[in-house]
Amino acid sequence: MASMGDSSPVPSRSDDLEKALIALGEAIREARREAVLTQEELALRADIHEAYVSFLESGRRNPTWGVVRRISSALGVPLSELARRAEEFERGERQ
């Protein structure tokens, strides 16, 4: 973590991005399970590789906007809903 002059720890940009990606992955996983889809089925519907779905759900990839749109569409969940869920996971309001 980076710190400011007052010695208060400030999360680095990479920490913030990592948290956001993990939260997005959790939101995708939750929506996929609600849709009763396997990772393979989601991958086929979104035209992405099954391994990529796994990487996204674990927060190990930073998807493009186009990929997030295709996933959202494949899940039948509006982008705004996926984003809301991700923000709630990131704030600890969802588990």
N, C-alpha and C. Protein backbone atom coordinates (compact mmCIF):
# COMPACT_ATOMS: atom_id res chain seq x y z
N MET A 1 0.82 -1.19 0.00
CA MET A 1 0.00 0.00 0.00
C MET A 1 0.86 1.25 0.00
N ALA A 2 0.40 2.25 -0.71
CA ALA A 2 1.06 3.55 -0.69
C ALA A 2 0.63 4.27 0.58
N SER A 3 1.38 5.25 0.99
CA SER A 3 0.97 5.99 2.18
C SER A 3 1.14 7.48 1.92
N MET A 4 0.39 8.26 2.67
CA MET A 4 0.47 9.71 2.57
C MET A 4 1.35 10.22 3.70
N GLY A 5 1.62 11.50 3.72
CA GLY A 5 2.47 12.10 4.73
C GLY A 5 2.00 11.87 6.15
N ASP A 6 0.69 11.69 6.37
CA ASP A 6 0.18 11.50 7.73
C ASP A 6 0.29 10.04 8.17
N SER A 7 0.97 9.22 7.40
CA SER A 7 1.20 7.80 7.65
C SER A 7 -0.08 6.95 7.60
N SER A 8 -1.18 7.51 7.07
CA SER A 8 -2.39 6.72 6.87
C SER A 8 -2.23 5.90 5.61
N PRO A 9 -2.48 4.60 5.69
CA PRO A 9 -2.33 3.79 4.49
C PRO A 9 -3.41 4.14 3.46
N VAL A 10 -3.00 4.27 2.22
CA VAL A 10 -3.91 4.55 1.11
C VAL A 10 -3.77 3.41 0.12
N PRO A 11 -4.87 2.77 -0.25
CA PRO A 11 -4.76 1.67 -1.21
C PRO A 11 -4.14 2.15 -2.52
N SER A 12 -3.28 1.34 -3.10
CA SER A 12 -2.71 1.69 -4.38
C SER A 12 -3.74 1.43 -5.47
N ARG A 13 -3.49 1.96 -6.64
CA ARG A 13 -4.40 1.75 -7.77
C ARG A 13 -4.51 0.28 -8.09
N SER A 14 -3.41 -0.45 -7.97
CA SER A 14 -3.45 -1.89 -8.27
C SER A 14 -4.30 -2.63 -7.25
N ASP A 15 -4.27 -2.20 -5.97
CA ASP A 15 -5.14 -2.80 -4.95
C ASP A 15 -6.60 -2.55 -5.27
N ASP A 16 -6.90 -1.31 -5.68
CA ASP A 16 -8.28 -0.95 -6.04
C ASP A 16 -8.75 -1.77 -7.23
N LEU A 17 -7.92 -1.89 -8.24
CA LEU A 17 -8.28 -2.66 -9.42
C LEU A 17 -8.48 -4.12 -9.07
N GLU A 18 -7.61 -4.67 -8.27
CA GLU A 18 -7.73 -6.07 -7.87
C GLU A 18 -9.06 -6.31 -7.14
N LYS A 19 -9.40 -5.44 -6.23
CA LYS A 19 -10.67 -5.56 -5.50
C LYS A 19 -11.86 -5.47 -6.45
N ALA A 20 -11.78 -4.54 -7.40
CA ALA A 20 -12.87 -4.36 -8.36
C ALA A 20 -13.02 -5.60 -9.25
N LEU A 21 -11.91 -6.17 -9.67
CA LEU A 21 -11.98 -7.36 -10.53
C LEU A 21 -12.52 -8.57 -9.77
N ILE A 22 -12.13 -8.71 -8.53
CA ILE A 22 -12.65 -9.80 -7.70
C ILE A 22 -14.15 -9.62 -7.51
N ALA A 23 -14.58 -8.39 -7.25
CA ALA A 23 -16.00 -8.11 -7.06
C ALA A 23 -16.80 -8.37 -8.33
N LEU A 24 -16.26 -7.98 -9.48
CA LEU A 24 -16.92 -8.25 -10.75
C LEU A 24 -17.05 -9.75 -10.96
N GLY A 25 -16.00 -10.48 -10.66
CA GLY A 25 -16.04 -11.93 -10.79
C GLY A 25 -17.10 -12.57 -9.91
N GLU A 26 -17.21 -12.06 -8.69
CA GLU A 26 -18.24 -12.58 -7.78
C GLU A 26 -19.64 -12.28 -8.31
N ALA A 27 -19.81 -11.10 -8.90
CA ALA A 27 -21.12 -10.74 -9.46
C ALA A 27 -21.46 -11.63 -10.65
N ILE A 28 -20.48 -11.90 -11.49
CA ILE A 28 -20.69 -12.78 -12.64
C ILE A 28 -21.04 -14.19 -12.16
N ARG A 29 -20.28 -14.70 -11.21
CA ARG A 29 -20.54 -16.05 -10.69
C ARG A 29 -21.94 -16.15 -10.10
N GLU A 30 -22.31 -15.16 -9.30
CA GLU A 30 -23.63 -15.17 -8.67
C GLU A 30 -24.74 -15.18 -9.74
N ALA A 31 -24.61 -14.30 -10.74
CA ALA A 31 -25.63 -14.24 -11.79
C ALA A 31 -25.65 -15.53 -12.61
N ARG A 32 -24.49 -16.10 -12.86
CA ARG A 32 -24.42 -17.36 -13.61
C ARG A 32 -25.12 -18.48 -12.85
N ARG A 33 -24.88 -18.55 -11.56
CA ARG A 33 -25.53 -19.60 -10.76
C ARG A 33 -27.03 -19.38 -10.68
N GLU A 34 -27.46 -18.13 -10.58
CA GLU A 34 -28.89 -17.84 -10.57
C GLU A 34 -29.54 -18.25 -11.89
N ALA A 35 -28.80 -18.11 -12.98
CA ALA A 35 -29.30 -18.50 -14.30
C ALA A 35 -29.18 -20.01 -14.53
N VAL A 36 -28.62 -20.70 -13.54
CA VAL A 36 -28.41 -22.16 -13.59
C VAL A 36 -27.63 -22.54 -14.85
N LEU A 37 -26.49 -21.86 -15.02
CA LEU A 37 -25.59 -22.13 -16.13
C LEU A 37 -24.25 -22.61 -15.61
N THR A 38 -23.62 -23.50 -16.33
CA THR A 38 -22.24 -23.88 -16.03
C THR A 38 -21.34 -22.82 -16.64
N GLN A 39 -20.08 -22.84 -16.27
CA GLN A 39 -19.11 -21.92 -16.89
C GLN A 39 -19.04 -22.19 -18.39
N GLU A 40 -19.11 -23.45 -18.77
CA GLU A 40 -19.05 -23.82 -20.18
C GLU A 40 -20.26 -23.24 -20.94
N GLU A 41 -21.44 -23.36 -20.35
CA GLU A 41 -22.64 -22.83 -21.01
C GLU A 41 -22.57 -21.31 -21.15
N LEU A 42 -22.10 -20.63 -20.11
CA LEU A 42 -21.95 -19.18 -20.19
C LEU A 42 -20.94 -18.82 -21.28
N ALA A 43 -19.84 -19.54 -21.31
CA ALA A 43 -18.80 -19.28 -22.31
C ALA A 43 -19.37 -19.41 -23.73
N LEU A 44 -20.12 -20.46 -23.96
CA LEU A 44 -20.72 -20.66 -25.29
C LEU A 44 -21.66 -19.53 -25.64
N ARG A 45 -22.51 -19.14 -24.70
CA ARG A 45 -23.48 -18.07 -24.95
C ARG A 45 -22.81 -16.71 -25.17
N ALA A 46 -21.71 -16.48 -24.47
CA ALA A 46 -21.01 -15.19 -24.55
C ALA A 46 -19.89 -15.19 -25.60
N ASP A 47 -19.67 -16.33 -26.23
CA ASP A 47 -18.63 -16.48 -27.24
C ASP A 47 -17.23 -16.14 -26.69
N ILE A 48 -16.95 -16.72 -25.53
CA ILE A 48 -15.62 -16.61 -24.92
C ILE A 48 -15.19 -18.01 -24.49
N HIS A 49 -13.93 -18.19 -24.17
CA HIS A 49 -13.41 -19.49 -23.77
C HIS A 49 -13.83 -19.81 -22.34
N GLU A 50 -14.12 -21.07 -22.08
CA GLU A 50 -14.53 -21.50 -20.75
C GLU A 50 -13.49 -21.14 -19.69
N ALA A 51 -12.22 -21.30 -20.01
CA ALA A 51 -11.17 -20.96 -19.04
C ALA A 51 -11.20 -19.47 -18.71
N TYR A 52 -11.58 -18.64 -19.69
CA TYR A 52 -11.66 -17.20 -19.46
C TYR A 52 -12.76 -16.89 -18.45
N VAL A 53 -13.87 -17.61 -18.52
CA VAL A 53 -14.95 -17.43 -17.54
C VAL A 53 -14.41 -17.72 -16.15
N SER A 54 -13.67 -18.81 -16.02
CA SER A 54 -13.09 -19.18 -14.73
C SER A 54 -12.15 -18.08 -14.23
N PHE A 55 -11.30 -17.57 -15.12
CA PHE A 55 -10.37 -16.50 -14.74
C PHE A 55 -11.13 -15.24 -14.31
N LEU A 56 -12.20 -14.90 -15.04
CA LEU A 56 -12.99 -13.73 -14.68
C LEU A 56 -13.64 -13.89 -13.32
N GLU A 57 -14.24 -15.05 -13.09
CA GLU A 57 -14.94 -15.28 -11.83
C GLU A 57 -13.99 -15.25 -10.63
N SER A 58 -12.73 -15.54 -10.86
CA SER A 58 -11.76 -15.52 -9.76
C SER A 58 -11.01 -14.18 -9.69
N GLY A 59 -11.38 -13.23 -10.56
CA GLY A 59 -10.76 -11.91 -10.52
C GLY A 59 -9.37 -11.87 -11.10
N ARG A 60 -9.02 -12.86 -11.92
CA ARG A 60 -7.67 -12.92 -12.48
C ARG A 60 -7.55 -12.35 -13.89
N ARG A 61 -8.61 -11.77 -14.41
CA ARG A 61 -8.57 -11.12 -15.72
C ARG A 61 -9.36 -9.82 -15.67
N ASN A 62 -8.93 -8.88 -16.50
CA ASN A 62 -9.57 -7.58 -16.62
C ASN A 62 -10.26 -7.55 -17.97
N PRO A 63 -11.57 -7.84 -18.01
CA PRO A 63 -12.25 -7.94 -19.30
C PRO A 63 -12.48 -6.59 -19.97
N THR A 64 -12.61 -6.65 -21.28
CA THR A 64 -12.99 -5.45 -22.02
C THR A 64 -14.47 -5.17 -21.79
N TRP A 65 -14.88 -3.96 -22.13
CA TRP A 65 -16.29 -3.59 -22.02
C TRP A 65 -17.14 -4.51 -22.90
N GLY A 66 -16.64 -4.84 -24.07
CA GLY A 66 -17.37 -5.72 -24.98
C GLY A 66 -17.61 -7.09 -24.37
N VAL A 67 -16.62 -7.64 -23.70
CA VAL A 67 -16.78 -8.94 -23.05
C VAL A 67 -17.80 -8.86 -21.93
N VAL A 68 -17.74 -7.81 -21.14
CA VAL A 68 -18.71 -7.65 -20.04
C VAL A 68 -20.13 -7.53 -20.62
N ARG A 69 -20.28 -6.82 -21.71
CA ARG A 69 -21.60 -6.70 -22.36
C ARG A 69 -22.10 -8.05 -22.84
N ARG A 70 -21.21 -8.86 -23.45
CA ARG A 70 -21.63 -10.18 -23.94
C ARG A 70 -22.00 -11.09 -22.78
N ILE A 71 -21.26 -11.02 -21.69
CA ILE A 71 -21.58 -11.83 -20.51
C ILE A 71 -22.92 -11.40 -19.94
N SER A 72 -23.11 -10.12 -19.81
CA SER A 72 -24.37 -9.58 -19.29
C SER A 72 -25.54 -10.08 -20.14
N SER A 73 -25.41 -9.97 -21.43
CA SER A 73 -26.46 -10.42 -22.35
C SER A 73 -26.68 -11.93 -22.22
N ALA A 74 -25.60 -12.70 -22.16
CA ALA A 74 -25.71 -14.15 -22.05
C ALA A 74 -26.40 -14.57 -20.75
N LEU A 75 -26.23 -13.77 -19.72
CA LEU A 75 -26.85 -14.06 -18.42
C LEU A 75 -28.28 -13.53 -18.33
N GLY A 76 -28.65 -12.65 -19.25
CA GLY A 76 -29.96 -12.04 -19.18
C GLY A 76 -30.07 -11.03 -18.05
N VAL A 77 -28.93 -10.42 -17.72
CA VAL A 77 -28.86 -9.45 -16.63
C VAL A 77 -28.39 -8.11 -17.21
N PRO A 78 -29.12 -7.02 -16.96
CA PRO A 78 -28.66 -5.72 -17.47
C PRO A 78 -27.27 -5.38 -16.94
N LEU A 79 -26.51 -4.66 -17.76
CA LEU A 79 -25.17 -4.23 -17.32
C LEU A 79 -25.24 -3.47 -16.01
N SER A 80 -26.25 -2.63 -15.86
CA SER A 80 -26.37 -1.84 -14.64
C SER A 80 -26.54 -2.74 -13.42
N GLU A 81 -27.25 -3.84 -13.57
CA GLU A 81 -27.44 -4.79 -12.46
C GLU A 81 -26.14 -5.49 -12.12
N LEU A 82 -25.40 -5.90 -13.14
CA LEU A 82 -24.11 -6.56 -12.91
C LEU A 82 -23.16 -5.60 -12.19
N ALA A 83 -23.15 -4.34 -12.63
CA ALA A 83 -22.29 -3.33 -12.00
C ALA A 83 -22.72 -3.08 -10.56
N ARG A 84 -24.02 -2.99 -10.32
CA ARG A 84 -24.53 -2.77 -8.96
C ARG A 84 -24.09 -3.89 -8.04
N ARG A 85 -24.24 -5.13 -8.52
CA ARG A 85 -23.82 -6.28 -7.70
C ARG A 85 -22.32 -6.23 -7.42
N ALA A 86 -21.54 -5.92 -8.43
CA ALA A 86 -20.08 -5.84 -8.24
C ALA A 86 -19.73 -4.79 -7.20
N GLU A 87 -20.39 -3.64 -7.26
CA GLU A 87 -20.13 -2.59 -6.27
C GLU A 87 -20.51 -3.05 -4.88
N GLU A 88 -21.61 -3.77 -4.76
CA GLU A 88 -22.02 -4.28 -3.45
C GLU A 88 -21.03 -5.30 -2.92
N PHE A 89 -20.51 -6.17 -3.78
CA PHE A 89 -19.49 -7.12 -3.34
C PHE A 89 -18.24 -6.36 -2.89
N GLU A 90 -17.86 -5.35 -3.65
CA GLU A 90 -16.65 -4.60 -3.33
C GLU A 90 -16.78 -3.87 -2.00
N ARG A 91 -17.96 -3.39 -1.68
CA ARG A 91 -18.19 -2.70 -0.40
C ARG A 91 -18.47 -3.67 0.74
N GLY A 92 -18.56 -4.95 0.45
CA GLY A 92 -18.84 -5.94 1.49
C GLY A 92 -20.30 -6.05 1.85
N GLU A 93 -21.17 -5.52 1.02
CA GLU A 93 -22.62 -5.55 1.28
C GLU A 93 -23.27 -6.83 0.76
N ARG A 94 -22.52 -7.61 0.01
CA ARG A 94 -23.01 -8.86 -0.58
C ARG A 94 -21.97 -9.93 -0.32
N GLN A 95 -22.46 -11.14 -0.14
CA GLN A 95 -21.51 -12.24 0.10
C GLN A 95 -21.84 -13.43 -0.75
